[in-house]
Amino acid sequence: MNGLLFKLALAATLGSLLTANPTGAQILPPAKKAAHVEITDGPALELAHDGLAIIRWTTSNPGGPDDHLAIVYYGTDPNELIQTAKSHIRLNRGHPETMFRVRIGGLKPQTTYYYKVTSTGSNGQSDGVESTVNHFTTPAPGERIVAYPQPK
């Protein structure tokens, strides 16, 4: 019986060594942070319905850590953007641009909201870009605004 247990333990150990996931060895250091990041498209309302909106914009690739946060500061007064919505993204180092999309929930119907956008690395360091203040008006209950083509 002990011999069988030993053989099973040995087989399990060898099997785990042979099929070990090598992804730990493939983790790359953060990319070099871009010297200058700029918004190349947007920000703009992509979609709004039933108390939610999606804001979308594109920047030159900011570099730095692969994990990033897209951030929208918003409110009903353009001088008091005191609410915040964030969305996690991962940068694609092979692309010269990065598309950010943030979902904002809990919005009131037929209300004008003002917003500005920015982004940070997962380390909290700003990408150094922030939009001017923009605005959109949410639709009436049951209505839908599709203001921007869906990403491909």
Protein backbone atom coordinates (compact mmCIF):
# COMPACT_ATOMS: atom_id res chain seq x y z
CA MET A 1 0.00 0.00 0.00
CA ASN A 2 2.82 2.41 0.89
CA GLY A 3 4.49 1.66 -2.45
CA LEU A 4 1.26 2.55 -4.30
CA LEU A 5 0.93 5.82 -2.38
CA PHE A 6 4.54 6.66 -3.14
CA LYS A 7 4.02 6.00 -6.87
CA LEU A 8 0.87 8.15 -6.93
CA ALA A 9 2.62 11.00 -5.11
CA LEU A 10 5.60 10.76 -7.48
CA ALA A 11 3.33 10.71 -10.54
CA ALA A 12 1.40 13.75 -9.27
CA THR A 13 4.59 15.68 -8.57
CA LEU A 14 6.13 14.89 -11.95
CA GLY A 15 2.86 15.68 -13.72
CA SER A 16 2.61 19.08 -12.07
CA LEU A 17 6.20 19.89 -12.99
CA LEU A 18 5.69 18.89 -16.61
CA THR A 19 2.45 20.84 -17.01
CA ALA A 20 3.36 23.87 -14.89
CA ASN A 21 2.06 27.17 -16.23
CA PRO A 22 5.04 29.16 -17.54
CA THR A 23 3.22 32.51 -17.54
CA GLY A 24 5.11 33.73 -14.48
CA ALA A 25 8.26 33.80 -16.59
CA GLN A 26 6.44 35.83 -19.29
CA ILE A 27 5.45 38.83 -17.16
CA LEU A 28 7.08 41.86 -18.69
CA PRO A 29 8.23 44.94 -16.83
CA PRO A 30 6.10 48.07 -17.35
CA ALA A 31 6.52 49.75 -20.71
CA LYS A 32 8.32 53.08 -20.81
CA LYS A 33 5.91 55.90 -19.99
CA ALA A 34 5.14 58.11 -22.98
CA ALA A 35 6.76 61.55 -22.89
CA HIS A 36 3.55 63.17 -24.16
CA VAL A 37 0.00 61.78 -24.14
CA GLU A 38 -2.84 63.47 -25.99
CA ILE A 39 -6.52 62.82 -26.56
CA THR A 40 -6.86 61.97 -30.24
CA ASP A 41 -10.62 61.32 -30.38
CA GLY A 42 -13.44 62.46 -28.10
CA PRO A 43 -14.39 62.36 -25.37
CA ALA A 44 -17.94 61.74 -26.49
CA LEU A 45 -21.15 60.10 -25.41
CA GLU A 46 -21.32 56.61 -26.90
CA LEU A 47 -24.62 55.44 -25.47
CA ALA A 48 -27.25 56.53 -22.95
CA HIS A 49 -30.41 54.79 -21.72
CA ASP A 50 -32.25 53.81 -18.53
CA GLY A 51 -30.10 55.81 -16.13
CA LEU A 52 -26.72 54.96 -17.60
CA ALA A 53 -24.29 56.46 -20.07
CA ILE A 54 -21.02 55.36 -21.63
CA ILE A 55 -18.33 57.95 -22.32
CA ARG A 56 -15.57 57.04 -24.76
CA TRP A 57 -12.29 58.61 -25.82
CA THR A 58 -8.99 57.67 -27.40
CA THR A 59 -5.48 58.79 -26.47
CA SER A 60 -2.02 58.13 -27.74
CA ASN A 61 -0.70 55.07 -25.88
CA PRO A 62 0.36 56.35 -22.43
CA GLY A 63 2.80 53.52 -21.70
CA GLY A 64 3.72 52.76 -18.11
CA PRO A 65 1.96 49.92 -16.29
CA ASP A 66 -0.29 47.71 -18.41
CA ASP A 67 -3.17 48.16 -15.94
CA HIS A 68 -4.84 51.55 -16.24
CA LEU A 69 -7.93 53.37 -15.01
CA ALA A 70 -10.17 55.45 -17.25
CA ILE A 71 -11.78 58.16 -15.12
CA VAL A 72 -14.77 60.43 -15.70
CA TYR A 73 -15.53 63.30 -13.32
CA TYR A 74 -19.13 64.42 -13.75
CA GLY A 75 -22.06 66.32 -12.29
CA THR A 76 -25.01 68.57 -13.16
CA ASP A 77 -22.98 71.76 -12.63
CA PRO A 78 -19.98 72.32 -14.96
CA ASN A 79 -18.08 73.93 -12.10
CA GLU A 80 -18.70 71.07 -9.64
CA LEU A 81 -17.77 67.74 -11.19
CA ILE A 82 -17.85 65.97 -7.85
CA GLN A 83 -18.97 62.48 -8.92
CA THR A 84 -16.51 59.94 -10.30
CA ALA A 85 -16.84 56.86 -12.49
CA LYS A 86 -13.87 54.60 -13.26
CA SER A 87 -13.17 51.67 -15.53
CA HIS A 88 -10.18 49.31 -15.50
CA ILE A 89 -8.41 48.61 -18.79
CA ARG A 90 -5.23 46.89 -19.93
CA LEU A 91 -2.98 48.65 -22.40
CA ASN A 92 -1.95 46.90 -25.59
CA ARG A 93 1.72 47.72 -26.02
CA GLY A 94 1.52 46.94 -29.73
CA HIS A 95 -1.05 49.67 -30.46
CA PRO A 96 -0.15 53.33 -30.84
CA GLU A 97 -3.50 54.42 -29.34
CA THR A 98 -5.66 53.38 -26.40
CA MET A 99 -9.47 53.54 -26.29
CA PHE A 100 -11.04 54.27 -22.92
CA ARG A 101 -14.71 53.62 -22.08
CA VAL A 102 -16.43 54.38 -18.79
CA ARG A 103 -19.96 53.41 -17.74
CA ILE A 104 -21.75 55.93 -15.56
CA GLY A 105 -24.79 54.63 -13.68
CA GLY A 106 -27.52 56.15 -11.52
CA LEU A 107 -28.27 59.04 -13.86
CA LYS A 108 -31.58 60.91 -13.85
CA PRO A 109 -33.65 61.03 -17.07
CA GLN A 110 -33.76 64.20 -19.16
CA THR A 111 -30.92 65.76 -17.19
CA THR A 112 -27.84 67.53 -18.54
CA TYR A 113 -24.57 66.20 -17.14
CA TYR A 114 -21.17 67.82 -17.51
CA TYR A 115 -17.98 65.77 -17.50
CA LYS A 116 -14.25 65.67 -18.11
CA VAL A 117 -12.02 62.64 -18.57
CA THR A 118 -8.54 61.55 -17.61
CA SER A 119 -6.59 58.34 -17.03
CA THR A 120 -4.02 56.97 -14.61
CA GLY A 121 -1.77 53.98 -14.35
CA SER A 122 -2.58 51.33 -11.75
CA ASN A 123 0.07 53.00 -9.60
CA GLY A 124 -2.13 56.13 -9.42
CA GLN A 125 0.22 58.20 -11.56
CA SER A 126 -1.65 60.45 -13.99
CA ASP A 127 -1.09 59.95 -17.71
CA GLY A 128 -0.84 63.74 -17.89
CA VAL A 129 -3.91 64.31 -20.03
CA GLU A 130 -7.32 65.72 -19.11
CA SER A 131 -10.14 66.84 -21.38
CA THR A 132 -12.04 70.08 -21.30
CA VAL A 133 -15.54 69.98 -19.81
CA ASN A 134 -18.15 68.44 -22.14
CA HIS A 135 -21.84 67.66 -21.65
CA PHE A 136 -24.71 65.36 -22.64
CA THR A 137 -28.39 65.12 -21.78
CA THR A 138 -29.85 61.78 -20.74
CA PRO A 139 -32.90 60.55 -22.64
CA ALA A 140 -36.45 60.24 -21.34
CA PRO A 141 -37.39 56.94 -19.65
CA GLY A 142 -37.56 54.12 -22.19
CA GLU A 143 -35.65 56.09 -24.84
CA ARG A 144 -32.13 55.40 -26.02
CA ILE A 145 -29.32 57.54 -27.43
CA VAL A 146 -26.69 55.83 -29.56
CA ALA A 147 -24.41 58.71 -30.34
CA TYR A 148 -21.26 56.90 -31.34
CA PRO A 149 -20.71 53.76 -33.43
CA GLN A 150 -19.94 50.69 -31.37
CA PRO A 151 -16.24 49.69 -31.32
CA LYS A 152 -15.17 46.96 -33.69
